[in-house]
Amino acid sequence: MMITKLLEQILPAELGVQKVDSAGNFLWGQTGVRVTTEETNHGQGGLVSDGDGGCVIVWQNYDERILMNRIDRFGRRVWSETGIFLINTGTQYKSSKSKRW
């Protein structure tokens, strides 16, 4: 599995995941699965296998919130459509492309 950021060249973008088989075929559609339906700009993320063909993803939004969600083996969001809130870090994520004021 891999984590992707869609449209990153245009703006900080939607976070998604893609499952790839051993032959290199995309198993969750051509563009993968969005981790959340929120339109908020998403920063860095990471994932681990859930041990059942899916994954658990944790990410930080640009509004300082850290969230998580689980995607099952079929590419469906399990815990929430928008993710589960974990904590507000009080530290905004800054992309290396961010302009500092």
N, C-alpha and C. Protein backbone atom coordinates (compact mmCIF):
# COMPACT_ATOMS: atom_id res chain seq x y z
N MET A 1 0.83 -1.16 0.00
CA MET A 1 0.00 0.00 0.00
C MET A 1 0.88 1.23 0.00
N MET A 2 0.32 2.30 -0.51
CA MET A 2 1.07 3.55 -0.51
C MET A 2 0.11 4.69 -0.21
N ILE A 3 0.66 5.74 0.34
CA ILE A 3 -0.12 6.94 0.64
C ILE A 3 0.16 7.96 -0.45
N THR A 4 -0.88 8.66 -0.88
CA THR A 4 -0.72 9.62 -1.97
C THR A 4 -1.31 10.96 -1.58
N LYS A 5 -0.81 12.02 -2.21
CA LYS A 5 -1.43 13.34 -2.08
C LYS A 5 -1.82 13.76 -3.48
N LEU A 6 -3.11 13.89 -3.70
CA LEU A 6 -3.63 14.24 -5.01
C LEU A 6 -3.53 15.74 -5.24
N LEU A 7 -3.17 16.14 -6.42
CA LEU A 7 -3.12 17.56 -6.82
C LEU A 7 -2.14 18.38 -6.01
N GLU A 8 -1.08 17.77 -5.51
CA GLU A 8 -0.14 18.49 -4.65
C GLU A 8 0.52 19.67 -5.36
N GLN A 9 0.67 19.62 -6.67
CA GLN A 9 1.32 20.72 -7.37
C GLN A 9 0.44 21.97 -7.38
N ILE A 10 -0.87 21.81 -7.24
CA ILE A 10 -1.78 22.95 -7.30
C ILE A 10 -1.97 23.57 -5.93
N LEU A 11 -2.20 22.75 -4.93
CA LEU A 11 -2.42 23.22 -3.57
C LEU A 11 -2.21 22.05 -2.63
N PRO A 12 -1.99 22.32 -1.32
CA PRO A 12 -1.93 21.21 -0.39
C PRO A 12 -3.25 20.44 -0.51
N ALA A 13 -3.19 19.15 -0.67
CA ALA A 13 -4.32 18.46 -1.26
C ALA A 13 -4.92 17.37 -0.42
N GLU A 14 -5.77 16.59 -1.08
CA GLU A 14 -6.48 15.49 -0.47
C GLU A 14 -5.54 14.31 -0.26
N LEU A 15 -5.69 13.67 0.88
CA LEU A 15 -4.88 12.52 1.21
C LEU A 15 -5.59 11.26 0.76
N GLY A 16 -4.87 10.37 0.10
CA GLY A 16 -5.47 9.13 -0.37
C GLY A 16 -4.52 7.96 -0.19
N VAL A 17 -5.06 6.76 -0.35
CA VAL A 17 -4.24 5.55 -0.30
C VAL A 17 -4.55 4.69 -1.51
N GLN A 18 -3.59 3.86 -1.87
CA GLN A 18 -3.76 2.97 -3.02
C GLN A 18 -3.20 1.60 -2.63
N LYS A 19 -3.93 0.56 -2.96
CA LYS A 19 -3.45 -0.81 -2.76
C LYS A 19 -2.98 -1.34 -4.10
N VAL A 20 -1.77 -1.90 -4.10
CA VAL A 20 -1.15 -2.38 -5.34
C VAL A 20 -0.79 -3.86 -5.15
N ASP A 21 -1.16 -4.71 -6.11
CA ASP A 21 -0.83 -6.13 -5.99
C ASP A 21 0.61 -6.39 -6.47
N SER A 22 1.05 -7.63 -6.37
CA SER A 22 2.44 -7.96 -6.70
C SER A 22 2.77 -7.75 -8.17
N ALA A 23 1.75 -7.68 -9.02
CA ALA A 23 1.97 -7.43 -10.45
C ALA A 23 1.94 -5.93 -10.78
N GLY A 24 1.74 -5.09 -9.76
CA GLY A 24 1.71 -3.65 -9.98
C GLY A 24 0.35 -3.10 -10.36
N ASN A 25 -0.71 -3.90 -10.25
CA ASN A 25 -2.06 -3.43 -10.58
C ASN A 25 -2.67 -2.65 -9.42
N PHE A 26 -3.33 -1.55 -9.74
CA PHE A 26 -4.04 -0.77 -8.72
C PHE A 26 -5.33 -1.51 -8.37
N LEU A 27 -5.53 -1.79 -7.09
CA LEU A 27 -6.69 -2.56 -6.66
C LEU A 27 -7.85 -1.68 -6.18
N TRP A 28 -7.58 -0.42 -5.89
CA TRP A 28 -8.62 0.48 -5.41
C TRP A 28 -8.89 1.59 -6.42
N GLY A 29 -9.05 1.21 -7.69
CA GLY A 29 -9.32 2.20 -8.73
C GLY A 29 -8.06 2.90 -9.18
N GLN A 30 -8.18 3.67 -10.24
CA GLN A 30 -7.02 4.35 -10.83
C GLN A 30 -6.41 5.40 -9.91
N THR A 31 -7.24 6.09 -9.12
CA THR A 31 -6.72 7.16 -8.26
C THR A 31 -6.70 6.80 -6.78
N GLY A 32 -7.06 5.57 -6.43
CA GLY A 32 -7.04 5.16 -5.03
C GLY A 32 -8.28 5.61 -4.28
N VAL A 33 -8.17 5.66 -2.96
CA VAL A 33 -9.29 5.97 -2.07
C VAL A 33 -8.92 7.18 -1.23
N ARG A 34 -9.84 8.13 -1.14
CA ARG A 34 -9.62 9.27 -0.24
C ARG A 34 -9.74 8.79 1.20
N VAL A 35 -8.84 9.24 2.05
CA VAL A 35 -8.82 8.86 3.45
C VAL A 35 -9.95 9.55 4.22
N THR A 36 -10.32 10.74 3.78
CA THR A 36 -11.36 11.52 4.41
C THR A 36 -12.15 12.27 3.34
N THR A 37 -13.40 12.56 3.64
CA THR A 37 -14.20 13.35 2.70
C THR A 37 -14.10 14.84 3.00
N GLU A 38 -13.38 15.21 4.08
CA GLU A 38 -13.17 16.62 4.39
C GLU A 38 -12.39 17.30 3.27
N GLU A 39 -12.74 18.52 2.99
CA GLU A 39 -12.05 19.27 1.93
C GLU A 39 -10.88 20.07 2.48
N THR A 40 -10.58 19.91 3.76
CA THR A 40 -9.46 20.60 4.39
C THR A 40 -8.15 20.18 3.73
N ASN A 41 -7.21 21.08 3.70
CA ASN A 41 -5.88 20.75 3.19
C ASN A 41 -5.19 19.81 4.17
N HIS A 42 -4.65 18.73 3.66
CA HIS A 42 -4.03 17.73 4.49
C HIS A 42 -2.53 17.79 4.38
N GLY A 43 -1.87 17.66 5.51
CA GLY A 43 -0.41 17.69 5.54
C GLY A 43 0.15 16.29 5.50
N GLN A 44 1.20 16.07 6.26
CA GLN A 44 1.90 14.80 6.25
C GLN A 44 1.03 13.69 6.83
N GLY A 45 1.27 12.47 6.34
CA GLY A 45 0.55 11.32 6.85
C GLY A 45 1.43 10.09 6.86
N GLY A 46 0.97 9.08 7.54
CA GLY A 46 1.67 7.80 7.56
C GLY A 46 0.65 6.69 7.68
N LEU A 47 1.05 5.47 7.32
CA LEU A 47 0.12 4.36 7.41
C LEU A 47 0.81 3.10 7.86
N VAL A 48 -0.01 2.20 8.42
CA VAL A 48 0.43 0.85 8.78
C VAL A 48 -0.65 -0.12 8.31
N SER A 49 -0.26 -1.35 8.07
CA SER A 49 -1.22 -2.38 7.70
C SER A 49 -2.13 -2.66 8.89
N ASP A 50 -3.40 -3.00 8.59
CA ASP A 50 -4.31 -3.40 9.67
C ASP A 50 -4.29 -4.90 9.88
N GLY A 51 -3.45 -5.62 9.13
CA GLY A 51 -3.32 -7.06 9.27
C GLY A 51 -4.41 -7.85 8.56
N ASP A 52 -5.32 -7.14 7.88
CA ASP A 52 -6.44 -7.80 7.21
C ASP A 52 -6.63 -7.29 5.78
N GLY A 53 -5.55 -6.80 5.17
CA GLY A 53 -5.63 -6.33 3.79
C GLY A 53 -5.96 -4.86 3.64
N GLY A 54 -6.15 -4.17 4.74
CA GLY A 54 -6.42 -2.74 4.73
C GLY A 54 -5.31 -1.99 5.44
N CYS A 55 -5.60 -0.78 5.89
CA CYS A 55 -4.57 0.00 6.56
C CYS A 55 -5.20 1.01 7.51
N VAL A 56 -4.37 1.52 8.42
CA VAL A 56 -4.74 2.60 9.32
C VAL A 56 -3.84 3.77 8.96
N ILE A 57 -4.45 4.94 8.78
CA ILE A 57 -3.74 6.14 8.36
C ILE A 57 -3.87 7.21 9.44
N VAL A 58 -2.77 7.90 9.72
CA VAL A 58 -2.77 9.04 10.64
C VAL A 58 -2.21 10.21 9.85
N TRP A 59 -2.83 11.39 9.98
CA TRP A 59 -2.35 12.57 9.26
C TRP A 59 -2.60 13.83 10.06
N GLN A 60 -1.86 14.88 9.72
CA GLN A 60 -2.05 16.19 10.32
C GLN A 60 -2.62 17.13 9.28
N ASN A 61 -3.73 17.75 9.61
CA ASN A 61 -4.30 18.78 8.75
C ASN A 61 -3.54 20.07 8.95
N TYR A 62 -3.67 20.97 8.01
CA TYR A 62 -3.01 22.27 8.12
C TYR A 62 -3.62 23.13 9.22
N ASP A 63 -4.78 22.73 9.75
CA ASP A 63 -5.40 23.49 10.85
C ASP A 63 -4.97 22.95 12.22
N GLU A 64 -3.89 22.19 12.27
CA GLU A 64 -3.23 21.72 13.48
C GLU A 64 -3.86 20.47 14.11
N ARG A 65 -4.88 19.88 13.48
CA ARG A 65 -5.51 18.68 14.03
C ARG A 65 -4.82 17.43 13.49
N ILE A 66 -4.66 16.44 14.36
CA ILE A 66 -4.19 15.12 13.94
C ILE A 66 -5.38 14.18 13.97
N LEU A 67 -5.58 13.46 12.87
CA LEU A 67 -6.71 12.56 12.72
C LEU A 67 -6.24 11.18 12.26
N MET A 68 -7.14 10.21 12.34
CA MET A 68 -6.83 8.88 11.84
C MET A 68 -8.08 8.24 11.26
N ASN A 69 -7.87 7.27 10.38
CA ASN A 69 -8.98 6.51 9.82
C ASN A 69 -8.46 5.14 9.41
N ARG A 70 -9.38 4.22 9.26
CA ARG A 70 -9.03 2.88 8.78
C ARG A 70 -9.71 2.66 7.44
N ILE A 71 -8.97 2.12 6.49
CA ILE A 71 -9.50 1.72 5.19
C ILE A 71 -9.46 0.19 5.16
N ASP A 72 -10.60 -0.45 4.88
CA ASP A 72 -10.62 -1.91 4.90
C ASP A 72 -10.07 -2.48 3.59
N ARG A 73 -10.01 -3.80 3.50
CA ARG A 73 -9.40 -4.47 2.33
C ARG A 73 -10.11 -4.16 1.02
N PHE A 74 -11.36 -3.66 1.10
CA PHE A 74 -12.12 -3.33 -0.10
C PHE A 74 -12.02 -1.85 -0.47
N GLY A 75 -11.25 -1.09 0.32
CA GLY A 75 -11.08 0.33 0.02
C GLY A 75 -12.17 1.21 0.60
N ARG A 76 -12.83 0.76 1.67
CA ARG A 76 -13.91 1.54 2.30
C ARG A 76 -13.42 2.18 3.59
N ARG A 77 -13.79 3.44 3.81
CA ARG A 77 -13.50 4.11 5.08
C ARG A 77 -14.32 3.41 6.17
N VAL A 78 -13.68 3.01 7.25
CA VAL A 78 -14.34 2.20 8.28
C VAL A 78 -14.77 3.03 9.49
N TRP A 79 -13.87 3.80 10.05
CA TRP A 79 -14.15 4.46 11.32
C TRP A 79 -14.98 5.72 11.18
N SER A 80 -14.86 6.41 10.07
CA SER A 80 -15.59 7.66 9.88
C SER A 80 -15.37 8.14 8.45
N GLU A 81 -16.31 8.89 7.92
CA GLU A 81 -16.12 9.48 6.59
C GLU A 81 -15.07 10.59 6.63
N THR A 82 -14.92 11.24 7.79
CA THR A 82 -13.99 12.37 7.90
C THR A 82 -12.78 12.08 8.78
N GLY A 83 -12.69 10.90 9.37
CA GLY A 83 -11.58 10.56 10.25
C GLY A 83 -11.93 10.80 11.70
N ILE A 84 -11.14 10.23 12.58
CA ILE A 84 -11.33 10.37 14.02
C ILE A 84 -10.31 11.37 14.54
N PHE A 85 -10.79 12.40 15.22
CA PHE A 85 -9.92 13.43 15.79
C PHE A 85 -9.12 12.83 16.94
N LEU A 86 -7.80 13.05 16.95
CA LEU A 86 -6.95 12.58 18.03
C LEU A 86 -6.51 13.71 18.95
N ILE A 87 -5.95 14.78 18.36
CA ILE A 87 -5.41 15.87 19.17
C ILE A 87 -5.20 17.10 18.30
N ASN A 88 -5.22 18.25 18.93
CA ASN A 88 -4.83 19.50 18.28
C ASN A 88 -3.42 19.80 18.75
N THR A 89 -2.48 19.86 17.82
CA THR A 89 -1.07 19.98 18.19
C THR A 89 -0.66 21.39 18.61
N GLY A 90 -1.39 22.38 18.14
CA GLY A 90 -0.98 23.75 18.40
C GLY A 90 0.19 24.17 17.53
N THR A 91 0.62 23.29 16.62
CA THR A 91 1.74 23.56 15.73
C THR A 91 1.27 23.32 14.30
N GLN A 92 1.11 24.39 13.55
CA GLN A 92 0.68 24.23 12.16
C GLN A 92 1.74 23.54 11.35
N TYR A 93 1.30 22.56 10.54
CA TYR A 93 2.20 21.90 9.60
C TYR A 93 2.54 22.88 8.49
N LYS A 94 3.82 22.99 8.16
CA LYS A 94 4.25 23.86 7.07
C LYS A 94 4.91 23.02 5.99
N SER A 95 4.34 23.05 4.82
CA SER A 95 4.94 22.36 3.69
C SER A 95 6.23 23.06 3.32
N SER A 96 7.15 22.33 2.72
CA SER A 96 8.38 22.96 2.25
C SER A 96 8.09 23.99 1.17
N LYS A 97 6.85 23.92 0.59
CA LYS A 97 6.44 24.87 -0.44
C LYS A 97 5.70 26.07 0.15
N SER A 98 5.48 26.04 1.48
CA SER A 98 4.73 27.11 2.12
C SER A 98 5.53 28.41 2.11
N LYS A 99 4.83 29.51 1.95
CA LYS A 99 5.46 30.82 2.01
C LYS A 99 5.40 31.29 3.46
N ARG A 100 6.49 31.74 4.00
CA ARG A 100 6.52 32.25 5.36
C ARG A 100 6.30 33.76 5.35
N TRP A 101 5.49 34.22 6.27
CA TRP A 101 5.15 35.65 6.35
C TRP A 101 5.95 36.33 7.39
